[in-house]
Structure formats: C-alpha cells, structure tokens
Amino acid sequence: MTFIMNFIIIPLMCIVGIVPSIYLLFAIPIVIGYKVYRKLRFGISLMN
C-alpha cells in the first residue's frame, strides 16, 4: 500500500515544486526587462 501512495505522491510533489520554479524562471527576467525599458523610454525609476 505504501508503494502505491509513494507512486502517487512523489510525482504530485514534483509538479507542485516545478510549476513555481518555471514561473519564476520566466517572470523575473520579464519584470526586470520591463523596468529597464521604462527607465530608458520614460525615465521612470527602477524602484517603482
């Protein structure tokens, strides 16, 4: 019975862990790029 539970829980935990990692992998560079674009184009501070 524990083998079946491990067979279900381990892939589920892998999915739960990888989804936020993939999100951050793409979101952080996009936000930084957008802030640099606003700084160069409009002169807005990077901290806003």
N, C-alpha and C. Protein backbone atom coordinates (compact mmCIF):
# COMPACT_ATOMS: atom_id res chain seq x y z
N MET A 1 0.82 -1.21 0.00
CA MET A 1 0.00 0.00 0.00
C MET A 1 0.86 1.26 0.00
N THR A 2 1.96 1.26 0.75
CA THR A 2 2.81 2.46 0.77
C THR A 2 3.45 2.70 -0.58
N PHE A 3 3.76 1.63 -1.32
CA PHE A 3 4.33 1.80 -2.65
C PHE A 3 3.37 2.55 -3.56
N ILE A 4 2.10 2.22 -3.48
CA ILE A 4 1.10 2.89 -4.31
C ILE A 4 0.98 4.36 -3.91
N MET A 5 1.01 4.64 -2.61
CA MET A 5 0.92 6.03 -2.16
C MET A 5 2.15 6.82 -2.61
N ASN A 6 3.33 6.22 -2.51
CA ASN A 6 4.54 6.89 -2.98
C ASN A 6 4.50 7.11 -4.48
N PHE A 7 3.93 6.17 -5.20
CA PHE A 7 3.80 6.27 -6.65
C PHE A 7 2.91 7.45 -7.04
N ILE A 8 1.98 7.82 -6.18
CA ILE A 8 1.07 8.94 -6.45
C ILE A 8 1.63 10.25 -5.90
N ILE A 9 2.17 10.22 -4.70
CA ILE A 9 2.59 11.45 -4.02
C ILE A 9 3.86 12.05 -4.61
N ILE A 10 4.85 11.24 -4.95
CA ILE A 10 6.12 11.78 -5.44
C ILE A 10 5.96 12.56 -6.75
N PRO A 11 5.27 12.04 -7.77
CA PRO A 11 5.08 12.87 -8.97
C PRO A 11 4.27 14.14 -8.70
N LEU A 12 3.29 14.04 -7.81
CA LEU A 12 2.50 15.21 -7.46
C LEU A 12 3.37 16.29 -6.82
N MET A 13 4.26 15.89 -5.92
CA MET A 13 5.16 16.84 -5.28
C MET A 13 6.14 17.44 -6.27
N CYS A 14 6.57 16.65 -7.25
CA CYS A 14 7.46 17.18 -8.29
C CYS A 14 6.76 18.26 -9.11
N ILE A 15 5.50 18.02 -9.44
CA ILE A 15 4.73 19.00 -10.21
C ILE A 15 4.52 20.27 -9.40
N VAL A 16 4.19 20.10 -8.12
CA VAL A 16 3.96 21.26 -7.25
C VAL A 16 5.24 22.08 -7.09
N GLY A 17 6.38 21.44 -7.12
CA GLY A 17 7.64 22.16 -6.98
C GLY A 17 8.13 22.80 -8.25
N ILE A 18 7.86 22.19 -9.38
CA ILE A 18 8.42 22.69 -10.63
C ILE A 18 7.61 23.84 -11.23
N VAL A 19 6.32 23.88 -10.97
CA VAL A 19 5.47 24.93 -11.54
C VAL A 19 5.91 26.32 -11.07
N PRO A 20 6.09 26.57 -9.77
CA PRO A 20 6.56 27.90 -9.37
C PRO A 20 7.97 28.20 -9.86
N SER A 21 8.80 27.18 -9.97
CA SER A 21 10.16 27.40 -10.47
C SER A 21 10.14 27.86 -11.92
N ILE A 22 9.32 27.24 -12.73
CA ILE A 22 9.21 27.65 -14.14
C ILE A 22 8.62 29.05 -14.25
N TYR A 23 7.64 29.34 -13.41
CA TYR A 23 7.04 30.68 -13.40
C TYR A 23 8.09 31.74 -13.10
N LEU A 24 8.89 31.51 -12.05
CA LEU A 24 9.91 32.47 -11.67
C LEU A 24 11.01 32.57 -12.72
N LEU A 25 11.32 31.47 -13.37
CA LEU A 25 12.34 31.46 -14.42
C LEU A 25 11.99 32.44 -15.53
N PHE A 26 10.71 32.57 -15.84
CA PHE A 26 10.28 33.48 -16.90
C PHE A 26 9.87 34.85 -16.37
N ALA A 27 9.26 34.91 -15.19
CA ALA A 27 8.69 36.16 -14.70
C ALA A 27 9.76 37.16 -14.29
N ILE A 28 10.80 36.72 -13.61
CA ILE A 28 11.81 37.66 -13.11
C ILE A 28 12.52 38.40 -14.25
N PRO A 29 13.02 37.70 -15.28
CA PRO A 29 13.65 38.45 -16.38
C PRO A 29 12.68 39.37 -17.12
N ILE A 30 11.42 38.98 -17.23
CA ILE A 30 10.44 39.83 -17.91
C ILE A 30 10.21 41.11 -17.11
N VAL A 31 10.07 41.00 -15.80
CA VAL A 31 9.86 42.18 -14.96
C VAL A 31 11.08 43.09 -15.00
N ILE A 32 12.27 42.52 -14.93
CA ILE A 32 13.48 43.34 -14.98
C ILE A 32 13.60 44.04 -16.33
N GLY A 33 13.31 43.30 -17.41
CA GLY A 33 13.35 43.90 -18.73
C GLY A 33 12.35 45.03 -18.89
N TYR A 34 11.16 44.84 -18.35
CA TYR A 34 10.14 45.88 -18.42
C TYR A 34 10.56 47.12 -17.64
N LYS A 35 11.18 46.93 -16.49
CA LYS A 35 11.63 48.07 -15.69
C LYS A 35 12.76 48.83 -16.39
N VAL A 36 13.66 48.10 -17.04
CA VAL A 36 14.74 48.76 -17.78
C VAL A 36 14.16 49.51 -18.98
N TYR A 37 13.20 48.92 -19.66
CA TYR A 37 12.54 49.59 -20.78
C TYR A 37 11.89 50.90 -20.33
N ARG A 38 11.15 50.85 -19.21
CA ARG A 38 10.51 52.08 -18.71
C ARG A 38 11.54 53.12 -18.32
N LYS A 39 12.67 52.66 -17.76
CA LYS A 39 13.73 53.60 -17.36
C LYS A 39 14.30 54.29 -18.59
N LEU A 40 14.59 53.52 -19.62
CA LEU A 40 15.19 54.10 -20.82
C LEU A 40 14.20 54.93 -21.63
N ARG A 41 12.97 54.47 -21.71
CA ARG A 41 11.98 55.15 -22.57
C ARG A 41 11.36 56.37 -21.88
N PHE A 42 10.99 56.24 -20.60
CA PHE A 42 10.23 57.29 -19.94
C PHE A 42 10.99 57.95 -18.78
N GLY A 43 12.13 57.39 -18.38
CA GLY A 43 12.89 57.98 -17.27
C GLY A 43 12.30 57.65 -15.91
N ILE A 44 11.47 56.65 -15.82
CA ILE A 44 10.86 56.26 -14.55
C ILE A 44 11.88 55.47 -13.73
N SER A 45 11.86 55.66 -12.44
CA SER A 45 12.80 54.97 -11.55
C SER A 45 12.61 53.46 -11.63
N LEU A 46 13.72 52.73 -11.48
CA LEU A 46 13.65 51.28 -11.45
C LEU A 46 12.96 50.75 -10.21
N MET A 47 12.85 51.56 -9.18
CA MET A 47 12.26 51.12 -7.92
C MET A 47 10.74 51.20 -7.91
N ASN A 48 10.13 51.84 -8.90
CA ASN A 48 8.67 51.95 -8.95
C ASN A 48 8.08 50.76 -9.64
